Amino acid sequence: MTTVEAKLEAARADLAERDGVLIAFSGGVDSSVVAALARDALGDRAVACTAKSETLPEAELEEARRVAEEIGIRHEIVSFSELESDDFVQNDEHRCYHCRTMRLGEMYEAARELGVETVCDGTNADDPGAGHRPGLRAVEELDVYSPLLAHDISKDEVREIAEYYGLSVADKPSMACLSSRIPTGLEVTEERLTRVERAERVLRQWGFEQFRVRDHDGLARIEVSPDEFEDALDPAFVEAARDELSRIGFDHVTLDLHGYRTGSVSPEGEDSEASEAGSPVERTKRETDEGRTAPAEESEADGLESPTTTD
């Protein structure tokens, strides 16, 4: 069996043979490890590039800047808007394909301007087997080089290599873009993206680490990890969350008692954002139609503040 150390050395040697590389860089653990490997192998001929758009939280952009500085790699930022694409805005099961195609297109444009031929990303060996992943099709079509995938480096091994390089993001949870908080079929708009980002900032300020705020057309569904439920039920947080999320535009604020789950509003795919079609209200209506409705007390039990209408 090939050791992690051997895989690391093989990936680094592979990168060292290239004239230069540009890494599609989010500041997450996968792209950070690729950036560290490339910086180690190529020095100043390695460039990290982050695409700024409405779906990238400002906090994540700042994190990308910080991690790039930590690695010591040159960091470029390009700007574009997914909202200019009707295919992306309609938010079908191929949303991540449209997004990744545009985002990587920006990477190639930046690489051309810098005279760099190779664009890399952080796809790891576990990603192709993680269900419906439309974004990977864009990676293949655009011939992006994925060193972690090429050298069979799994997610767990990525974190080991991050520890080897002393990266502060070694244990960072996976982070999907803001559009993953909007149910499939509900249009992605700047208003929805903005209120999700502001709502999640509230949870981050309260110290939550693994969470999402899903936007069900005005109903905020807060998901936190099971070990953070006690904090989410703190009366002070309940009041703060209800007041602040209402102030930024949500009609109702609920807590999902299932806890944090990747993919609870979209087809299983990019960043493991799997399918659970429709809002909590819509799911209750479907269950009623199918004769499986829970008692009213139970159907309202997932809320900090239960919906008062069924529109």
C-alpha atoms as a PDB file:
ATOM      1  CA  MET A   1       0.000   0.000   0.000  1.00  0.00           C
ATOM      2  CA  THR A   2       1.315   3.435  -0.942  1.00  0.00           C
ATOM      3  CA  THR A   3       1.946   5.576   2.115  1.00  0.00           C
ATOM      4  CA  VAL A   4       0.741   9.136   2.511  1.00  0.00           C
ATOM      5  CA  GLU A   5       4.360  10.275   2.480  1.00  0.00           C
ATOM      6  CA  ALA A   6       4.964   8.536  -0.849  1.00  0.00           C
ATOM      7  CA  LYS A   7       1.841  10.090  -2.351  1.00  0.00           C
ATOM      8  CA  LEU A   8       2.906  13.512  -1.115  1.00  0.00           C
ATOM      9  CA  GLU A   9       6.344  13.151  -2.674  1.00  0.00           C
ATOM     10  CA  ALA A  10       4.885  11.891  -5.970  1.00  0.00           C
ATOM     11  CA  ALA A  11       2.433  14.801  -6.194  1.00  0.00           C
ATOM     12  CA  ARG A  12       5.142  17.313  -5.357  1.00  0.00           C
ATOM     13  CA  ALA A  13       7.519  15.806  -7.949  1.00  0.00           C
ATOM     14  CA  ASP A  14       4.770  15.867 -10.559  1.00  0.00           C
ATOM     15  CA  LEU A  15       4.092  19.562  -9.934  1.00  0.00           C
ATOM     16  CA  ALA A  16       7.813  20.350  -9.991  1.00  0.00           C
ATOM     17  CA  GLU A  17       8.010  19.205 -13.620  1.00  0.00           C
ATOM     18  CA  ARG A  18       5.592  21.918 -14.740  1.00  0.00           C
ATOM     19  CA  ASP A  19       6.593  25.402 -15.840  1.00  0.00           C
ATOM     20  CA  GLY A  20       4.085  26.902 -13.433  1.00  0.00           C
ATOM     21  CA  VAL A  21       0.599  26.307 -12.059  1.00  0.00           C
ATOM     22  CA  LEU A  22      -2.425  28.355 -11.052  1.00  0.00           C
ATOM     23  CA  ILE A  23      -4.544  26.800  -8.313  1.00  0.00           C
ATOM     24  CA  ALA A  24      -8.291  27.408  -8.077  1.00  0.00           C
ATOM     25  CA  PHE A  25      -8.091  28.412  -4.437  1.00  0.00           C
ATOM     26  CA  SER A  26     -10.972  28.630  -1.974  1.00  0.00           C
ATOM     27  CA  GLY A  27      -8.954  28.510   1.243  1.00  0.00           C
ATOM     28  CA  GLY A  28     -10.486  25.151   2.145  1.00  0.00           C
ATOM     29  CA  VAL A  29      -8.280  22.250   3.136  1.00  0.00           C
ATOM     30  CA  ASP A  30      -8.176  20.595  -0.325  1.00  0.00           C
ATOM     31  CA  SER A  31      -7.132  23.616  -2.363  1.00  0.00           C
ATOM     32  CA  SER A  32      -4.834  24.765   0.457  1.00  0.00           C
ATOM     33  CA  VAL A  33      -2.939  21.471   0.362  1.00  0.00           C
ATOM     34  CA  VAL A  34      -2.583  21.751  -3.420  1.00  0.00           C
ATOM     35  CA  ALA A  35      -1.329  25.311  -2.978  1.00  0.00           C
ATOM     36  CA  ALA A  36       1.178  24.209  -0.330  1.00  0.00           C
ATOM     37  CA  LEU A  37       2.428  21.366  -2.534  1.00  0.00           C
ATOM     38  CA  ALA A  38       2.740  23.694  -5.524  1.00  0.00           C
ATOM     39  CA  ARG A  39       4.516  26.395  -3.520  1.00  0.00           C
ATOM     40  CA  ASP A  40       6.888  23.747  -2.173  1.00  0.00           C
ATOM     41  CA  ALA A  41       7.568  22.357  -5.657  1.00  0.00           C
ATOM     42  CA  LEU A  42       7.591  25.517  -7.776  1.00  0.00           C
ATOM     43  CA  GLY A  43       8.225  28.459  -5.493  1.00  0.00           C
ATOM     44  CA  ASP A  44       7.163  31.728  -7.113  1.00  0.00           C
ATOM     45  CA  ARG A  45       5.913  29.888 -10.207  1.00  0.00           C
ATOM     46  CA  ALA A  46       2.871  28.742  -8.209  1.00  0.00           C
ATOM     47  CA  VAL A  47      -0.107  31.114  -7.971  1.00  0.00           C
ATOM     48  CA  ALA A  48      -3.304  30.724  -5.937  1.00  0.00           C
ATOM     49  CA  CYS A  49      -6.371  32.343  -7.475  1.00  0.00           C
ATOM     50  CA  THR A  50      -9.711  32.969  -5.793  1.00  0.00           C
ATOM     51  CA  ALA A  51     -12.841  33.848  -7.759  1.00  0.00           C
ATOM     52  CA  LYS A  52     -14.939  36.430  -5.953  1.00  0.00           C
ATOM     53  CA  SER A  53     -18.680  36.374  -6.618  1.00  0.00           C
ATOM     54  CA  GLU A  54     -22.029  36.750  -4.869  1.00  0.00           C
ATOM     55  CA  THR A  55     -21.967  33.096  -3.774  1.00  0.00           C
ATOM     56  CA  LEU A  56     -18.682  33.438  -1.851  1.00  0.00           C
ATOM     57  CA  PRO A  57     -19.130  34.719   1.711  1.00  0.00           C
ATOM     58  CA  GLU A  58     -16.920  37.678   2.523  1.00  0.00           C
ATOM     59  CA  ALA A  59     -15.608  35.755   5.527  1.00  0.00           C
ATOM     60  CA  GLU A  60     -14.404  32.965   3.226  1.00  0.00           C
ATOM     61  CA  LEU A  61     -12.660  35.450   0.947  1.00  0.00           C
ATOM     62  CA  GLU A  62     -10.823  36.886   3.941  1.00  0.00           C
ATOM     63  CA  GLU A  63      -9.951  33.352   5.043  1.00  0.00           C
ATOM     64  CA  ALA A  64      -8.540  32.596   1.588  1.00  0.00           C
ATOM     65  CA  ARG A  65      -6.374  35.712   1.794  1.00  0.00           C
ATOM     66  CA  ARG A  66      -5.123  34.704   5.226  1.00  0.00           C
ATOM     67  CA  VAL A  67      -4.334  31.103   4.282  1.00  0.00           C
ATOM     68  CA  ALA A  68      -2.533  32.135   1.095  1.00  0.00           C
ATOM     69  CA  GLU A  69      -0.352  34.421   3.203  1.00  0.00           C
ATOM     70  CA  GLU A  70       0.214  31.563   5.656  1.00  0.00           C
ATOM     71  CA  ILE A  71       1.376  29.313   2.803  1.00  0.00           C
ATOM     72  CA  GLY A  72       3.488  32.089   1.342  1.00  0.00           C
ATOM     73  CA  ILE A  73       2.013  31.758  -2.130  1.00  0.00           C
ATOM     74  CA  ARG A  74       1.155  34.575  -4.512  1.00  0.00           C
ATOM     75  CA  HIS A  75      -2.585  35.217  -4.333  1.00  0.00           C
ATOM     76  CA  GLU A  76      -4.708  36.684  -7.126  1.00  0.00           C
ATOM     77  CA  ILE A  77      -8.423  37.530  -6.906  1.00  0.00           C
ATOM     78  CA  VAL A  78     -10.691  37.657  -9.946  1.00  0.00           C
ATOM     79  CA  SER A  79     -14.317  38.795  -9.919  1.00  0.00           C
ATOM     80  CA  PHE A  80     -17.317  37.498 -11.826  1.00  0.00           C
ATOM     81  CA  SER A  81     -21.044  36.949 -11.315  1.00  0.00           C
ATOM     82  CA  GLU A  82     -22.848  33.618 -11.567  1.00  0.00           C
ATOM     83  CA  LEU A  83     -26.087  35.609 -11.520  1.00  0.00           C
ATOM     84  CA  GLU A  84     -25.405  36.688 -15.102  1.00  0.00           C
ATOM     85  CA  SER A  85     -26.088  33.085 -16.153  1.00  0.00           C
ATOM     86  CA  ASP A  86     -29.748  32.138 -16.539  1.00  0.00           C
ATOM     87  CA  ASP A  87     -28.739  28.469 -16.308  1.00  0.00           C
ATOM     88  CA  PHE A  88     -27.231  29.065 -12.875  1.00  0.00           C
ATOM     89  CA  VAL A  89     -30.024  31.300 -11.591  1.00  0.00           C
ATOM     90  CA  GLN A  90     -32.754  28.756 -12.341  1.00  0.00           C
ATOM     91  CA  ASN A  91     -31.034  26.465  -9.816  1.00  0.00           C
ATOM     92  CA  ASP A  92     -31.664  23.050 -11.339  1.00  0.00           C
ATOM     93  CA  GLU A  93     -29.772  19.860 -10.538  1.00  0.00           C
ATOM     94  CA  HIS A  94     -26.887  21.038 -12.760  1.00  0.00           C
ATOM     95  CA  ARG A  95     -26.321  24.329 -10.928  1.00  0.00           C
ATOM     96  CA  CYS A  96     -22.862  23.272  -9.732  1.00  0.00           C
ATOM     97  CA  TYR A  97     -21.830  22.364 -13.275  1.00  0.00           C
ATOM     98  CA  HIS A  98     -22.750  25.837 -14.525  1.00  0.00           C
ATOM     99  CA  CYS A  99     -21.022  27.490 -11.570  1.00  0.00           C
ATOM    100  CA  ARG A 100     -17.840  25.439 -11.847  1.00  0.00           C
ATOM    101  CA  THR A 101     -17.655  26.010 -15.608  1.00  0.00           C
ATOM    102  CA  MET A 102     -17.793  29.782 -15.115  1.00  0.00           C
ATOM    103  CA  ARG A 103     -15.443  29.778 -12.131  1.00  0.00           C
ATOM    104  CA  LEU A 104     -12.806  27.639 -13.852  1.00  0.00           C
ATOM    105  CA  GLY A 105     -13.171  29.719 -16.990  1.00  0.00           C
ATOM    106  CA  GLU A 106     -12.081  32.700 -14.898  1.00  0.00           C
ATOM    107  CA  MET A 107      -9.115  30.664 -13.654  1.00  0.00           C
ATOM    108  CA  TYR A 108      -7.989  29.919 -17.205  1.00  0.00           C
ATOM    109  CA  GLU A 109      -8.315  33.575 -18.175  1.00  0.00           C
ATOM    110  CA  ALA A 110      -6.155  34.582 -15.198  1.00  0.00           C
ATOM    111  CA  ALA A 111      -3.641  31.856 -16.049  1.00  0.00           C
ATOM    112  CA  ARG A 112      -3.363  33.105 -19.647  1.00  0.00           C
ATOM    113  CA  GLU A 113      -2.694  36.639 -18.437  1.00  0.00           C
ATOM    114  CA  LEU A 114       0.043  35.320 -16.147  1.00  0.00           C
ATOM    115  CA  GLY A 115       1.565  33.069 -18.814  1.00  0.00           C
ATOM    116  CA  VAL A 116       0.726  29.900 -16.878  1.00  0.00           C
ATOM    117  CA  GLU A 117      -0.422  26.809 -18.764  1.00  0.00           C
ATOM    118  CA  THR A 118      -1.656  24.510 -15.982  1.00  0.00           C
ATOM    119  CA  VAL A 119      -4.750  25.147 -13.879  1.00  0.00           C
ATOM    120  CA  CYS A 120      -5.135  22.916 -10.805  1.00  0.00           C
ATOM    121  CA  ASP A 121      -7.980  22.308  -8.411  1.00  0.00           C
ATOM    122  CA  GLY A 122      -8.498  20.493  -5.126  1.00  0.00           C
ATOM    123  CA  THR A 123     -10.570  17.503  -6.270  1.00  0.00           C
ATOM    124  CA  ASN A 124      -9.480  14.575  -4.101  1.00  0.00           C
ATOM    125  CA  ALA A 125      -9.701  10.808  -4.569  1.00  0.00           C
ATOM    126  CA  ASP A 126     -12.932  10.510  -2.574  1.00  0.00           C
ATOM    127  CA  ASP A 127     -14.861  13.055  -4.639  1.00  0.00           C
ATOM    128  CA  PRO A 128     -15.759  10.982  -7.738  1.00  0.00           C
ATOM    129  CA  GLY A 129     -17.464   8.360  -5.565  1.00  0.00           C
ATOM    130  CA  ALA A 130     -19.455  10.848  -3.507  1.00  0.00           C
ATOM    131  CA  GLY A 131     -22.684  10.635  -5.524  1.00  0.00           C
ATOM    132  CA  HIS A 132     -24.006  12.962  -8.204  1.00  0.00           C
ATOM    133  CA  ARG A 133     -21.250  15.580  -8.594  1.00  0.00           C
ATOM    134  CA  PRO A 134     -22.050  17.747 -11.636  1.00  0.00           C
ATOM    135  CA  GLY A 135     -19.168  20.113 -10.915  1.00  0.00           C
ATOM    136  CA  LEU A 136     -16.674  17.346 -11.648  1.00  0.00           C
ATOM    137  CA  ARG A 137     -17.930  17.230 -15.229  1.00  0.00           C
ATOM    138  CA  ALA A 138     -16.726  20.813 -15.670  1.00  0.00           C
ATOM    139  CA  VAL A 139     -13.315  19.853 -14.264  1.00  0.00           C
ATOM    140  CA  GLU A 140     -13.035  17.043 -16.816  1.00  0.00           C
ATOM    141  CA  GLU A 141     -14.327  19.089 -19.760  1.00  0.00           C
ATOM    142  CA  LEU A 142     -11.915  21.941 -19.093  1.00  0.00           C
ATOM    143  CA  ASP A 143      -8.965  19.583 -18.552  1.00  0.00           C
ATOM    144  CA  VAL A 144      -8.168  20.916 -15.096  1.00  0.00           C
ATOM    145  CA  TYR A 145      -5.340  19.035 -13.386  1.00  0.00           C
ATOM    146  CA  SER A 146      -6.270  17.568  -9.986  1.00  0.00           C
ATOM    147  CA  PRO A 147      -3.047  16.402  -8.273  1.00  0.00           C
ATOM    148  CA  LEU A 148      -4.860  14.950  -5.246  1.00  0.00           C
ATOM    149  CA  LEU A 149      -7.034  12.827  -7.500  1.00  0.00           C
ATOM    150  CA  ALA A 150      -4.155  11.915  -9.818  1.00  0.00           C
ATOM    151  CA  HIS A 151      -2.158  10.548  -6.895  1.00  0.00           C
ATOM    152  CA  ASP A 152      -5.077   8.851  -5.130  1.00  0.00           C
ATOM    153  CA  ILE A 153      -5.012  11.135  -2.083  1.00  0.00           C
ATOM    154  CA  SER A 154      -8.183  10.739  -0.032  1.00  0.00           C
ATOM    155  CA  LYS A 155      -9.837  13.380   2.150  1.00  0.00           C
ATOM    156  CA  ASP A 156      -8.349  11.908   5.324  1.00  0.00           C
ATOM    157  CA  GLU A 157      -4.922  11.905   3.692  1.00  0.00           C
ATOM    158  CA  VAL A 158      -5.431  15.509   2.585  1.00  0.00           C
ATOM    159  CA  ARG A 159      -5.882  16.454   6.231  1.00  0.00           C
ATOM    160  CA  GLU A 160      -2.730  14.514   7.160  1.00  0.00           C
ATOM    161  CA  ILE A 161      -0.747  16.427   4.551  1.00  0.00           C
ATOM    162  CA  ALA A 162      -2.252  19.689   5.818  1.00  0.00           C
ATOM    163  CA  GLU A 163      -0.954  18.788   9.274  1.00  0.00           C
ATOM    164  CA  TYR A 164       2.453  18.021   7.742  1.00  0.00           C
ATOM    165  CA  TYR A 165       2.579  21.526   6.286  1.00  0.00           C
ATOM    166  CA  GLY A 166       1.240  23.032   9.509  1.00  0.00           C
ATOM    167  CA  LEU A 167      -1.823  24.509   7.809  1.00  0.00           C
ATOM    168  CA  SER A 168      -4.344  26.114  10.133  1.00  0.00           C
ATOM    169  CA  VAL A 169      -7.203  24.764   7.981  1.00  0.00           C
ATOM    170  CA  ALA A 170      -6.255  21.097   8.506  1.00  0.00           C
ATOM    171  CA  ASP A 171      -9.446  20.474  10.478  1.00  0.00           C
ATOM    172  CA  LYS A 172     -11.638  23.039   8.738  1.00  0.00           C
ATOM    173  CA  PRO A 173     -15.129  21.665   7.951  1.00  0.00           C
ATOM    174  CA  SER A 174     -16.195  21.480   4.311  1.00  0.00           C
ATOM    175  CA  MET A 175     -17.735  24.695   3.066  1.00  0.00           C
ATOM    176  CA  ALA A 176     -20.179  24.851   0.161  1.00  0.00           C
ATOM    177  CA  CYS A 177     -21.040  28.097  -1.616  1.00  0.00           C
ATOM    178  CA  LEU A 178     -24.019  30.165  -0.484  1.00  0.00           C
ATOM    179  CA  SER A 179     -26.243  28.953  -3.332  1.00  0.00           C
ATOM    180  CA  SER A 180     -26.255  25.488  -1.730  1.00  0.00           C
ATOM    181  CA  ARG A 181     -28.541  26.947   0.972  1.00  0.00           C
ATOM    182  CA  ILE A 182     -31.325  27.555  -1.559  1.00  0.00           C
ATOM    183  CA  PRO A 183     -33.577  24.578  -2.469  1.00  0.00           C
ATOM    184  CA  THR A 184     -33.318  23.223  -5.988  1.00  0.00           C
ATOM    185  CA  GLY A 185     -35.870  24.892  -8.249  1.00  0.00           C
ATOM    186  CA  LEU A 186     -35.992  28.123  -6.249  1.00  0.00           C
ATOM    187  CA  GLU A 187     -34.173  30.873  -8.138  1.00  0.00           C
ATOM    188  CA  VAL A 188     -30.810  32.018  -6.855  1.00  0.00           C
ATOM    189  CA  THR A 189     -31.033  35.765  -6.296  1.00  0.00           C
ATOM    190  CA  GLU A 190     -28.721  38.317  -4.754  1.00  0.00           C
ATOM    191  CA  GLU A 191     -31.331  39.020  -2.068  1.00  0.00           C
ATOM    192  CA  ARG A 192     -31.443  35.374  -0.967  1.00  0.00           C
ATOM    193  CA  LEU A 193     -27.658  34.987  -1.041  1.00  0.00           C
ATOM    194  CA  THR A 194     -27.197  38.169   0.986  1.00  0.00           C
ATOM    195  CA  ARG A 195     -29.630  37.272   3.735  1.00  0.00           C
ATOM    196  CA  VAL A 196     -28.165  33.760   4.045  1.00  0.00           C
ATOM    197  CA  GLU A 197     -24.672  35.216   4.383  1.00  0.00           C
ATOM    198  CA  ARG A 198     -25.834  37.703   7.016  1.00  0.00           C
ATOM    199  CA  ALA A 199     -27.772  35.012   8.895  1.00  0.00           C
ATOM    200  CA  GLU A 200     -24.774  32.686   8.989  1.00  0.00           C
ATOM    201  CA  ARG A 201     -22.641  35.549  10.252  1.00  0.00           C
ATOM    202  CA  VAL A 202     -24.937  35.665  13.301  1.00  0.00           C
ATOM    203  CA  LEU A 203     -24.316  31.986  14.040  1.00  0.00           C
ATOM    204  CA  ARG A 204     -20.574  32.382  13.499  1.00  0.00           C
ATOM    205  CA  GLN A 205     -20.484  35.297  15.941  1.00  0.00           C
ATOM    206  CA  TRP A 206     -22.191  33.089  18.531  1.00  0.00           C
ATOM    207  CA  GLY A 207     -19.401  30.536  18.153  1.00  0.00           C
ATOM    208  CA  PHE A 208     -21.160  27.845  16.109  1.00  0.00           C
ATOM    209  CA  GLU A 209     -18.737  25.828  13.977  1.00  0.00           C
ATOM    210  CA  GLN A 210     -20.751  23.350  11.877  1.00  0.00           C
ATOM    211  CA  PHE A 211     -23.962  24.914  10.637  1.00  0.00           C
ATOM    212  CA  ARG A 212     -26.080  26.101   7.727  1.00  0.00           C
ATOM    213  CA  VAL A 213     -28.952  28.536   7.335  1.00  0.00           C
ATOM    214  CA  ARG A 214     -31.239  27.269   4.568  1.00  0.00           C
ATOM    215  CA  ASP A 215     -33.458  29.820   2.805  1.00  0.00           C
ATOM    216  CA  HIS A 216     -36.842  28.308   1.965  1.00  0.00           C
ATOM    217  CA  ASP A 217     -38.251  31.399   0.236  1.00  0.00           C
ATOM    218  CA  GLY A 218     -38.395  33.480   3.386  1.00  0.00           C
ATOM    219  CA  LEU A 219     -38.317  30.680   5.967  1.00  0.00           C
ATOM    220  CA  ALA A 220     -34.897  30.324   7.601  1.00  0.00           C
ATOM    221  CA  ARG A 221     -34.087  26.739   8.611  1.00  0.00           C
ATOM    222  CA  ILE A 222     -31.092  26.686  10.935  1.00  0.00           C
ATOM    223  CA  GLU A 223     -29.044  23.490  11.043  1.00  0.00           C
ATOM    224  CA  VAL A 224     -26.351  23.001  13.672  1.00  0.00           C
ATOM    225  CA  SER A 225     -24.310  19.939  14.591  1.00  0.00           C
ATOM    226  CA  PRO A 226     -25.892  17.744  17.303  1.00  0.00           C
ATOM    227  CA  ASP A 227     -23.200  18.639  19.829  1.00  0.00           C
ATOM    228  CA  GLU A 228     -24.147  22.319  19.439  1.00  0.00           C
ATOM    229  CA  PHE A 229     -27.895  21.862  20.015  1.00  0.00           C
ATOM    230  CA  GLU A 230     -27.664  23.003  23.610  1.00  0.00           C
ATOM    231  CA  ASP A 231     -26.196  26.324  22.496  1.00  0.00           C
ATOM    232  CA  ALA A 232     -28.861  26.673  19.790  1.00  0.00           C
ATOM    233  CA  LEU A 233     -31.590  26.239  22.418  1.00  0.00           C
ATOM    234  CA  ASP A 234     -30.125  28.872  24.714  1.00  0.00           C
ATOM    235  CA  PRO A 235     -32.984  31.397  25.200  1.00  0.00           C
ATOM    236  CA  ALA A 236     -30.584  34.274  24.608  1.00  0.00           C
ATOM    237  CA  PHE A 237     -29.526  32.835  21.242  1.00  0.00           C
ATOM    238  CA  VAL A 238     -33.130  31.976  20.307  1.00  0.00           C
ATOM    239  CA  GLU A 239     -34.130  35.587  20.851  1.00  0.00           C
ATOM    240  CA  ALA A 240     -31.066  36.972  19.066  1.00  0.00           C
ATOM    241  CA  ALA A 241     -31.475  34.642  16.079  1.00  0.00           C
ATOM    242  CA  ARG A 242     -35.193  35.340  15.746  1.00  0.00           C
ATOM    243  CA  ASP A 243     -34.779  39.107  15.991  1.00  0.00           C
ATOM    244  CA  GLU A 244     -31.704  39.412  13.764  1.00  0.00           C
ATOM    245  CA  LEU A 245     -32.885  37.019  11.036  1.00  0.00           C
ATOM    246  CA  SER A 246     -36.291  38.694  10.980  1.00  0.00           C
ATOM    247  CA  ARG A 247     -34.578  42.057  10.673  1.00  0.00           C
ATOM    248  CA  ILE A 248     -32.560  40.944   7.648  1.00  0.00           C
ATOM    249  CA  GLY A 249     -35.609  39.701   5.773  1.00  0.00           C
ATOM    250  CA  PHE A 250     -36.740  36.246   6.893  1.00  0.00           C
ATOM    251  CA  ASP A 251     -40.451  35.803   7.625  1.00  0.00           C
ATOM    252  CA  HIS A 252     -39.977  32.784   9.918  1.00  0.00           C
ATOM    253  CA  VAL A 253     -37.013  31.333  11.799  1.00  0.00           C
ATOM    254  CA  THR A 254     -36.814  27.605  12.572  1.00  0.00           C
ATOM    255  CA  LEU A 255     -34.339  25.138  14.079  1.00  0.00           C
ATOM    256  CA  ASP A 256     -34.050  21.783  12.306  1.00  0.00           C
ATOM    257  CA  LEU A 257     -34.012  19.019  14.934  1.00  0.00           C
ATOM    258  CA  HIS A 258     -32.302  16.659  12.477  1.00  0.00           C
ATOM    259  CA  GLY A 259     -29.237  18.843  12.887  1.00  0.00           C
ATOM    260  CA  TYR A 260     -26.636  19.796  10.315  1.00  0.00           C
ATOM    261  CA  ARG A 261     -26.752  17.639   7.184  1.00  0.00           C
ATOM    262  CA  THR A 262     -24.902  18.248   3.950  1.00  0.00           C
ATOM    263  CA  GLY A 263     -27.286  18.238   1.052  1.00  0.00           C
ATOM    264  CA  SER A 264     -30.614  18.836   2.725  1.00  0.00           C
ATOM    265  CA  VAL A 265     -31.998  21.087  -0.027  1.00  0.00           C
ATOM    266  CA  SER A 266     -30.339  20.068  -3.319  1.00  0.00           C
ATOM    267  CA  PRO A 267     -29.700  16.960  -5.412  1.00  0.00           C
ATOM    268  CA  GLU A 268     -26.805  14.997  -3.949  1.00  0.00           C
ATOM    269  CA  GLY A 269     -23.820  16.511  -5.650  1.00  0.00           C
ATOM    270  CA  GLU A 270     -21.348  19.309  -5.334  1.00  0.00           C
ATOM    271  CA  ASP A 271     -20.004  19.472  -1.803  1.00  0.00           C
ATOM    272  CA  SER A 272     -22.367  16.600  -0.983  1.00  0.00           C
ATOM    273  CA  GLU A 273     -25.357  18.928  -0.986  1.00  0.00           C
ATOM    274  CA  ALA A 274     -27.946  16.157  -1.347  1.00  0.00           C
ATOM    275  CA  SER A 275     -31.664  16.208  -2.114  1.00  0.00           C
ATOM    276  CA  GLU A 276     -34.519  17.002   0.184  1.00  0.00           C
ATOM    277  CA  ALA A 277     -36.900  18.779  -2.168  1.00  0.00           C
ATOM    278  CA  GLY A 278     -39.083  21.579  -0.922  1.00  0.00           C
ATOM    279  CA  SER A 279     -39.441  23.596   2.246  1.00  0.00           C
ATOM    280  CA  PRO A 280     -40.442  22.144   5.631  1.00  0.00           C
ATOM    281  CA  VAL A 281     -43.961  23.460   5.008  1.00  0.00           C
ATOM    282  CA  GLU A 282     -44.068  21.818   1.571  1.00  0.00           C
ATOM    283  CA  ARG A 283     -42.811  18.499   2.997  1.00  0.00           C
ATOM    284  CA  THR A 284     -45.552  18.575   5.646  1.00  0.00           C
ATOM    285  CA  LYS A 285     -48.136  19.162   2.899  1.00  0.00           C
ATOM    286  CA  ARG A 286     -46.788  16.208   0.873  1.00  0.00           C
ATOM    287  CA  GLU A 287     -46.957  13.973   3.925  1.00  0.00           C
ATOM    288  CA  THR A 288     -50.550  15.050   4.523  1.00  0.00           C
ATOM    289  CA  ASP A 289     -51.446  14.163   0.928  1.00  0.00           C
ATOM    290  CA  GLU A 290     -49.809  10.762   1.407  1.00  0.00           C
ATOM    291  CA  GLY A 291     -51.553  10.110   4.725  1.00  0.00           C
ATOM    292  CA  ARG A 292     -48.349  10.239   6.768  1.00  0.00           C
ATOM    293  CA  THR A 293     -48.690  13.513   8.643  1.00  0.00           C
ATOM    294  CA  ALA A 294     -47.335  13.672  12.186  1.00  0.00           C
ATOM    295  CA  PRO A 295     -49.428  15.363  14.896  1.00  0.00           C
ATOM    296  CA  ALA A 296     -49.398  19.138  14.706  1.00  0.00           C
ATOM    297  CA  GLU A 297     -47.163  19.422  17.759  1.00  0.00           C
ATOM    298  CA  GLU A 298     -44.497  17.303  16.051  1.00  0.00           C
ATOM    299  CA  SER A 299     -44.724  19.064  12.684  1.00  0.00           C
ATOM    300  CA  GLU A 300     -44.027  22.380  14.404  1.00  0.00           C
ATOM    301  CA  ALA A 301     -41.356  21.035  16.743  1.00  0.00           C
ATOM    302  CA  ASP A 302     -38.432  21.853  14.478  1.00  0.00           C
ATOM    303  CA  GLY A 303     -38.805  25.591  14.909  1.00  0.00           C
ATOM    304  CA  LEU A 304     -37.372  28.237  17.169  1.00  0.00           C
ATOM    305  CA  GLU A 305     -40.458  30.041  15.939  1.00  0.00           C
ATOM    306  CA  SER A 306     -43.014  27.868  14.155  1.00  0.00           C
ATOM    307  CA  PRO A 307     -44.556  29.018  10.854  1.00  0.00           C
ATOM    308  CA  THR A 308     -48.052  30.364  11.292  1.00  0.00           C
ATOM    309  CA  THR A 309     -49.110  29.841   7.683  1.00  0.00           C
ATOM    310  CA  THR A 310     -48.879  27.047   5.148  1.00  0.00           C
ATOM    311  CA  ASP A 311     -48.412  29.074   2.011  1.00  0.00           C
END
